[in-house]
């Protein structure tokens, strides 16, 4: 509400300043033909007084009509009648100021029609001229106000869309594999019972992952270097659980500081473990290749799976990922191959694309 008032005050103040300058220039230019004997300094002084006086009529007219226009709760016919009444009053006030003040007291002459015969307070031609002068101003102020309201509405809609997308992304991130923590704690518990030497290291890795999920994942973007570190920690914890697993990770990053939305890349790794490796009875593998060159990311993951594994839950997780990518990187490409014995995913993101942010 405050921003709307501030916007209206700023826009309308600028409008009246520019309108005053325009009208003063036009009247000053016209006065050299109507009053050729007056010095330009006198004509300029009279023009400024004249336009300031007209503002005393035009400003109340403008805001009275805007007030009536914005009263949508009032019947349209009644609003039209009130508007006509206001305009008639404004024309009479405009004529009174012109006929009884401007000409006799400012210019010191009698108002004439076509410089031939004296003009009365009201006649067809002068009334029409006053009407057109006022309607021209009304058209300008309405155009400015309607444009301002439309721009303000666009800003509000854009802000609401942005807030909605942020909320949706937050909800989508919150859906990411919450049982990973419980599985890892169970593994650590088993390792602790066996007094395994790797127990402290696993606890440290889990601590880093939890710190990432609590703090880094709350950021809009993080460096791809930090994102990869989290993926590596995740893989190391999971390999303790799956001893029959062969994991390979190839990376070629030319800009480690390149920013990316957190929790995007790791979801594909989680799916590879959860719905591929965990269902495998024999030797399983996950192959990961991530390349970043000149702002173009190529992310490739291939994992083994059992032939009878329908992985319905993978499709649910993939739907989540696709939605996040649509919101964050509209022009990305994501290809998925679901073969009988393996699952292949390739994601391409062009960070040079300014429309993806």
Protein backbone atom coordinates (compact mmCIF):
# COMPACT_ATOMS: atom_id res chain seq x y z
CA UNK A 1 0.00 0.00 0.00
CA UNK A 2 2.81 2.41 0.91
CA UNK A 3 4.70 1.59 -2.28
CA UNK A 4 1.54 2.32 -4.29
CA UNK A 5 1.14 5.74 -2.65
CA UNK A 6 4.81 6.55 -3.12
CA UNK A 7 4.66 5.47 -6.77
CA UNK A 8 1.54 7.57 -7.34
CA UNK A 9 3.01 10.65 -5.67
CA UNK A 10 6.26 10.44 -7.64
CA UNK A 11 4.58 9.75 -10.99
CA UNK A 12 1.93 12.45 -10.62
CA UNK A 13 4.40 15.06 -9.36
CA UNK A 14 6.57 14.45 -12.40
CA UNK A 15 3.51 14.59 -14.65
CA UNK A 16 2.39 18.01 -13.37
CA UNK A 17 5.88 19.48 -13.66
CA UNK A 18 6.23 18.27 -17.26
CA UNK A 19 2.67 19.28 -18.11
CA UNK A 20 3.23 22.79 -16.71
CA UNK A 21 6.43 23.17 -18.76
CA UNK A 22 4.67 21.98 -21.93
CA UNK A 23 1.67 24.29 -21.51
CA UNK A 24 3.85 27.26 -20.56
CA UNK A 25 5.97 26.73 -23.67
CA UNK A 26 2.94 26.47 -25.97
CA UNK A 27 1.22 29.54 -24.47
CA UNK A 28 4.43 31.58 -24.53
CA UNK A 29 4.96 30.64 -28.18
CA UNK A 30 1.35 31.53 -29.02
CA UNK A 31 1.45 34.85 -27.10
CA UNK A 32 3.95 36.40 -29.49
CA UNK A 33 1.25 36.36 -32.19
CA UNK A 34 -1.61 37.48 -29.94
CA UNK A 35 0.41 40.14 -28.07
CA UNK A 36 3.18 41.20 -30.48
CA UNK A 37 3.71 44.50 -28.70
CA UNK A 38 4.60 42.91 -25.37
CA UNK A 39 8.24 42.33 -24.50
CA UNK A 40 9.19 38.67 -24.19
CA UNK A 41 9.98 39.06 -20.48
CA UNK A 42 6.45 40.34 -19.84
CA UNK A 43 4.93 37.63 -22.00
CA UNK A 44 6.92 34.94 -20.14
CA UNK A 45 5.88 36.33 -16.75
CA UNK A 46 2.23 36.48 -17.80
CA UNK A 47 2.41 32.96 -19.24
CA UNK A 48 3.74 31.50 -15.98
CA UNK A 49 1.04 33.25 -13.95
CA UNK A 50 -1.57 32.12 -16.47
CA UNK A 51 -0.56 28.43 -16.32
CA UNK A 52 -0.28 28.42 -12.54
CA UNK A 53 -3.80 29.82 -12.37
CA UNK A 54 -5.09 27.18 -14.76
CA UNK A 55 -3.63 24.47 -12.52
CA UNK A 56 -6.02 25.65 -9.81
CA UNK A 57 -8.81 24.47 -12.09
CA UNK A 58 -7.15 21.49 -13.76
CA UNK A 59 -5.74 19.69 -10.72
CA UNK A 60 -9.09 19.51 -8.84
CA UNK A 61 -10.77 18.45 -12.10
CA UNK A 62 -8.23 15.68 -12.71
CA UNK A 63 -8.47 14.14 -9.25
CA UNK A 64 -12.22 14.52 -9.02
CA UNK A 65 -12.60 12.52 -12.23
CA UNK A 66 -10.02 9.96 -11.11
CA UNK A 67 -11.87 9.56 -7.83
CA UNK A 68 -15.17 8.98 -9.63
CA UNK A 69 -13.50 6.59 -12.08
CA UNK A 70 -12.03 4.48 -9.27
CA UNK A 71 -15.39 4.19 -7.47
CA UNK A 72 -16.32 0.93 -9.17
CA UNK A 73 -18.94 0.22 -6.50
CA UNK A 74 -21.06 3.15 -7.79
CA UNK A 75 -23.39 2.49 -10.73
CA UNK A 76 -21.84 3.31 -14.09
CA UNK A 77 -24.68 5.64 -15.17
CA UNK A 78 -24.35 7.68 -11.98
CA UNK A 79 -20.59 7.93 -12.43
CA UNK A 80 -21.09 9.23 -15.97
CA UNK A 81 -23.53 11.90 -14.78
CA UNK A 82 -21.21 13.01 -11.98
CA UNK A 83 -18.28 13.18 -14.42
CA UNK A 84 -20.26 15.35 -16.84
CA UNK A 85 -21.29 17.65 -13.99
CA UNK A 86 -17.66 18.01 -12.85
CA UNK A 87 -16.48 18.79 -16.38
CA UNK A 88 -19.18 21.45 -16.85
CA UNK A 89 -18.16 23.11 -13.58
CA UNK A 90 -14.52 23.00 -14.65
CA UNK A 91 -15.31 24.61 -18.03
CA UNK A 92 -17.23 27.41 -16.25
CA UNK A 93 -14.31 27.92 -13.82
CA UNK A 94 -11.84 27.89 -16.70
CA UNK A 95 -13.86 30.50 -18.57
CA UNK A 96 -14.30 32.66 -15.47
CA UNK A 97 -10.54 32.67 -14.84
CA UNK A 98 -9.78 33.41 -18.50
CA UNK A 99 -12.43 36.05 -19.11
CA UNK A 100 -12.50 37.93 -15.81
CA UNK A 101 -8.91 37.59 -14.54
CA UNK A 102 -6.39 36.73 -17.22
CA UNK A 103 -7.32 39.24 -19.92
CA UNK A 104 -8.36 42.28 -17.84
CA UNK A 105 -5.85 41.96 -14.97
CA UNK A 106 -2.86 40.09 -16.43
CA UNK A 107 -2.82 41.25 -20.06
CA UNK A 108 -4.85 44.44 -19.46
CA UNK A 109 -7.03 43.94 -22.53
CA UNK A 110 -10.51 42.72 -23.40
CA UNK A 111 -10.85 39.10 -24.49
CA UNK A 112 -11.54 38.92 -28.22
CA UNK A 113 -12.81 36.23 -30.57
CA UNK A 114 -10.46 35.87 -33.56
CA UNK A 115 -9.09 39.33 -32.63
CA UNK A 116 -12.21 40.88 -34.19
CA UNK A 117 -15.01 41.15 -31.63
CA UNK A 118 -15.22 41.03 -27.84
CA UNK A 119 -15.93 37.63 -26.34
CA UNK A 120 -18.57 37.08 -23.75
CA UNK A 121 -18.15 34.91 -20.65
CA UNK A 122 -19.77 31.99 -22.45
CA UNK A 123 -20.19 31.37 -26.16
CA UNK A 124 -19.80 28.33 -28.34
CA UNK A 125 -16.24 28.85 -29.56
CA UNK A 126 -14.54 29.91 -26.33
CA UNK A 127 -16.41 27.27 -24.33
CA UNK A 128 -15.28 24.63 -26.81
CA UNK A 129 -11.67 25.85 -26.54
CA UNK A 130 -11.82 25.63 -22.74
CA UNK A 131 -13.42 22.19 -22.97
CA UNK A 132 -10.70 20.89 -25.34
CA UNK A 133 -7.93 22.29 -23.14
CA UNK A 134 -9.36 20.52 -20.09
CA UNK A 135 -10.11 17.25 -21.91
CA UNK A 136 -6.57 17.16 -23.30
CA UNK A 137 -5.24 17.38 -19.75
CA UNK A 138 -7.73 14.77 -18.48
CA UNK A 139 -6.71 12.36 -21.23
CA UNK A 140 -3.04 12.76 -20.31
CA UNK A 141 -3.51 12.26 -16.57
CA UNK A 142 -5.76 9.23 -17.10
CA UNK A 143 -3.23 7.73 -19.50
CA UNK A 144 -0.43 8.24 -17.00
CA UNK A 145 -2.43 6.83 -14.07
CA UNK A 146 -3.73 3.78 -15.96
CA UNK A 147 -0.22 3.03 -17.24
CA UNK A 148 1.18 3.41 -13.72
CA UNK A 149 -1.44 1.05 -12.29
CA UNK A 150 -0.77 -1.54 -15.00
CA UNK A 151 2.98 -1.40 -14.37
CA UNK A 152 2.41 -1.69 -10.63
CA UNK A 153 0.11 -4.66 -11.18
CA UNK A 154 2.75 -6.33 -13.38
CA UNK A 155 5.35 -5.83 -10.65
CA UNK A 156 3.01 -7.31 -8.03
CA UNK A 157 2.18 -10.30 -10.24
CA UNK A 158 5.87 -10.84 -10.97
CA UNK A 159 6.66 -10.66 -7.26
CA UNK A 160 3.88 -13.13 -6.43
CA UNK A 161 5.11 -15.50 -9.13
CA UNK A 162 8.64 -15.26 -7.79
CA UNK A 163 7.46 -15.93 -4.23
CA UNK A 164 5.35 -18.85 -5.45
CA UNK A 165 8.32 -20.35 -7.31
CA UNK A 166 10.53 -19.93 -4.23
CA UNK A 167 7.92 -21.67 -2.08
CA UNK A 168 7.53 -24.46 -4.63
CA UNK A 169 11.29 -24.96 -4.84
CA UNK A 170 11.52 -25.06 -1.05
CA UNK A 171 8.81 -27.72 -0.94
CA UNK A 172 10.49 -29.72 -3.68
CA UNK A 173 13.83 -29.60 -1.89
CA UNK A 174 12.19 -30.73 1.33
CA UNK A 175 10.99 -33.87 -0.46
CA UNK A 176 14.53 -35.13 -1.16
CA UNK A 177 15.24 -38.56 0.34
CA UNK A 178 14.72 -37.84 4.07
CA UNK A 179 15.40 -41.46 5.07
CA UNK A 180 19.05 -41.19 3.99
CA UNK A 181 19.90 -39.89 7.47
CA UNK A 182 18.28 -42.84 9.22
CA UNK A 183 19.98 -45.39 6.97
CA UNK A 184 23.37 -43.78 7.54
CA UNK A 185 22.88 -43.63 11.30
CA UNK A 186 22.00 -47.31 11.29
CA UNK A 187 25.19 -48.03 9.33
CA UNK A 188 27.25 -45.98 11.78
CA UNK A 189 25.61 -47.82 14.66
CA UNK A 190 26.61 -51.14 13.09
CA UNK A 191 30.15 -49.89 12.51
CA UNK A 192 30.38 -48.66 16.09
CA UNK A 193 29.35 -52.08 17.40
CA UNK A 194 32.13 -53.62 15.33
CA UNK A 195 34.49 -50.84 16.42
CA UNK A 196 35.37 -50.18 12.79
CA UNK A 197 38.24 -47.77 12.17
CA UNK A 198 36.21 -45.88 9.54
CA UNK A 199 33.52 -44.85 12.05
CA UNK A 200 34.91 -41.35 12.88
CA UNK A 201 35.44 -40.56 9.19
CA UNK A 202 31.88 -41.58 8.31
CA UNK A 203 30.50 -39.45 11.15
CA UNK A 204 32.53 -36.50 9.82
CA UNK A 205 31.19 -37.04 6.28
CA UNK A 206 27.64 -37.23 7.59
CA UNK A 207 28.18 -34.03 9.56
CA UNK A 208 29.35 -32.25 6.39
CA UNK A 209 26.34 -33.53 4.45
CA UNK A 210 23.92 -32.38 7.14
CA UNK A 211 25.59 -28.97 7.28
CA UNK A 212 25.23 -28.74 3.51
CA UNK A 213 21.54 -29.66 3.62
CA UNK A 214 20.76 -27.27 6.46
CA UNK A 215 22.74 -24.20 5.36
CA UNK A 216 24.13 -24.41 1.82
CA UNK A 217 20.94 -25.92 0.38
CA UNK A 218 18.99 -22.92 1.71
CA UNK A 219 20.95 -20.63 -0.61
CA UNK A 220 19.65 -19.83 -4.05
CA UNK A 221 22.98 -20.79 -5.65
CA UNK A 222 26.28 -22.28 -4.51
CA UNK A 223 29.58 -22.99 -6.26
CA UNK A 224 29.71 -26.19 -8.27
CA UNK A 225 32.88 -27.08 -6.35
CA UNK A 226 30.95 -27.17 -3.07
CA UNK A 227 28.13 -29.11 -4.72
CA UNK A 228 30.59 -31.72 -5.98
CA UNK A 229 32.18 -32.05 -2.54
CA UNK A 230 28.77 -32.92 -1.13
CA UNK A 231 28.22 -35.53 -3.85
CA UNK A 232 31.60 -37.12 -3.09
CA UNK A 233 30.82 -37.26 0.64
CA UNK A 234 27.48 -38.86 -0.15
CA UNK A 235 29.13 -41.47 -2.39
CA UNK A 236 31.75 -42.35 0.23
CA UNK A 237 29.09 -42.96 2.86
CA UNK A 238 27.02 -45.08 0.50
CA UNK A 239 29.96 -47.24 -0.62
CA UNK A 240 30.39 -48.36 2.99
CA UNK A 241 26.87 -49.75 2.85
CA UNK A 242 27.19 -51.39 -0.59
CA UNK A 243 30.41 -53.42 -0.65
CA UNK A 244 29.60 -55.02 -4.01
CA UNK A 245 29.39 -51.63 -5.70
CA UNK A 246 31.83 -50.15 -8.22
CA UNK A 247 31.58 -46.34 -8.41
CA UNK A 248 33.53 -44.16 -10.83
CA UNK A 249 33.44 -40.39 -10.85
CA UNK A 250 35.08 -38.36 -13.62
CA UNK A 251 35.13 -34.59 -13.45
CA UNK A 252 36.52 -31.83 -15.63
CA UNK A 253 35.57 -28.42 -14.29
CA UNK A 254 37.15 -25.33 -15.86
CA UNK A 255 35.44 -22.92 -13.43
CA UNK A 256 34.94 -24.29 -9.87
CA UNK A 257 33.27 -21.01 -8.83
CA UNK A 258 30.42 -21.45 -11.34
CA UNK A 259 27.18 -21.18 -9.40
CA UNK A 260 24.42 -23.77 -9.53
CA UNK A 261 21.24 -24.38 -7.57
CA UNK A 262 21.97 -26.80 -4.70
CA UNK A 263 20.45 -30.30 -4.48
CA UNK A 264 19.97 -30.62 -8.23
CA UNK A 265 22.87 -32.86 -9.24
CA UNK A 266 22.87 -35.07 -6.16
CA UNK A 267 19.30 -36.20 -6.75
CA UNK A 268 20.39 -38.23 -9.77
CA UNK A 269 23.09 -39.87 -7.65
CA UNK A 270 20.56 -40.65 -4.92
CA UNK A 271 18.28 -42.25 -7.47
CA UNK A 272 21.15 -44.34 -8.81
CA UNK A 273 21.82 -45.72 -5.33
CA UNK A 274 18.25 -46.03 -4.13
CA UNK A 275 16.54 -47.49 -7.18
CA UNK A 276 19.43 -49.13 -9.01
CA UNK A 277 22.19 -50.36 -6.76
CA UNK A 278 20.01 -51.18 -3.74
CA UNK A 279 17.91 -53.51 -5.91
CA UNK A 280 20.88 -55.28 -7.49
CA UNK A 281 21.71 -58.80 -6.29
CA UNK A 282 25.02 -59.13 -8.09
CA UNK A 283 27.85 -56.82 -9.04
CA UNK A 284 26.53 -53.28 -9.40
CA UNK A 285 28.05 -50.13 -10.82
CA UNK A 286 27.50 -46.38 -11.00
CA UNK A 287 29.38 -44.29 -13.52
CA UNK A 288 29.32 -40.50 -13.14
CA UNK A 289 30.87 -38.00 -15.55
CA UNK A 290 30.53 -34.26 -15.02
CA UNK A 291 32.03 -31.72 -17.41
CA UNK A 292 31.90 -27.94 -17.24
CA UNK A 293 33.46 -26.03 -20.10
CA UNK A 294 32.83 -22.40 -21.05
CA UNK A 295 29.66 -22.30 -18.97
CA UNK A 296 28.17 -25.47 -20.48
CA UNK A 297 27.48 -28.27 -18.01
CA UNK A 298 27.25 -31.89 -19.19
CA UNK A 299 26.24 -34.33 -16.46
CA UNK A 300 26.09 -38.06 -17.23
CA UNK A 301 25.09 -40.85 -14.86
CA UNK A 302 24.77 -44.53 -15.71
CA UNK A 303 23.87 -47.20 -13.17
CA UNK A 304 23.07 -50.90 -13.26
CA UNK A 305 19.65 -52.25 -12.33
CA UNK A 306 17.85 -55.56 -12.18
CA UNK A 307 15.82 -56.45 -15.25
CA UNK A 308 12.64 -56.96 -13.22
CA UNK A 309 12.99 -53.66 -11.39
CA UNK A 310 10.16 -51.38 -12.53
CA UNK A 311 11.37 -48.53 -10.26
CA UNK A 312 8.05 -46.71 -10.01
CA UNK A 313 9.45 -44.56 -7.21
CA UNK A 314 12.26 -43.43 -9.52
CA UNK A 315 9.65 -41.89 -11.79
CA UNK A 316 8.23 -39.97 -8.83
CA UNK A 317 11.70 -38.67 -7.93
CA UNK A 318 12.41 -37.84 -11.57
CA UNK A 319 9.18 -35.83 -11.74
CA UNK A 320 10.42 -33.80 -8.77
CA UNK A 321 13.76 -33.17 -10.48
CA UNK A 322 12.15 -32.21 -13.78
CA UNK A 323 9.94 -29.67 -12.03
CA UNK A 324 12.91 -28.05 -10.29
CA UNK A 325 14.81 -27.86 -13.57
CA UNK A 326 11.81 -26.27 -15.30
CA UNK A 327 11.66 -23.57 -12.62
CA UNK A 328 15.40 -22.96 -12.42
CA UNK A 329 16.73 -23.67 -15.92
CA UNK A 330 13.86 -23.51 -18.44
CA UNK A 331 16.12 -24.18 -21.44
CA UNK A 332 17.94 -27.22 -20.06
CA UNK A 333 17.93 -30.63 -21.76
CA UNK A 334 17.38 -33.84 -19.80
CA UNK A 335 17.40 -37.24 -21.49
CA UNK A 336 16.60 -40.48 -19.66
CA UNK A 337 17.15 -44.00 -21.02
CA UNK A 338 15.53 -46.84 -19.10
CA UNK A 339 17.12 -50.00 -20.47
CA UNK A 340 16.63 -53.55 -19.29
CA UNK A 341 19.87 -53.68 -17.30
CA UNK A 342 20.85 -50.07 -16.79
CA UNK A 343 19.56 -46.59 -16.30
CA UNK A 344 21.19 -43.64 -18.13
CA UNK A 345 20.63 -39.96 -17.46
CA UNK A 346 22.22 -36.98 -19.20
CA UNK A 347 21.63 -33.40 -18.19
CA UNK A 348 22.85 -30.33 -20.08
CA UNK A 349 22.66 -26.81 -18.65
CA UNK A 350 23.97 -23.72 -20.40
CA UNK A 351 24.85 -21.22 -17.68
CA UNK A 352 25.52 -18.59 -20.36
CA UNK A 353 21.79 -18.53 -21.09
CA UNK A 354 20.56 -15.40 -19.27
CA UNK A 355 16.96 -16.65 -19.30
CA UNK A 356 17.97 -19.50 -16.97
CA UNK A 357 18.37 -18.16 -13.46
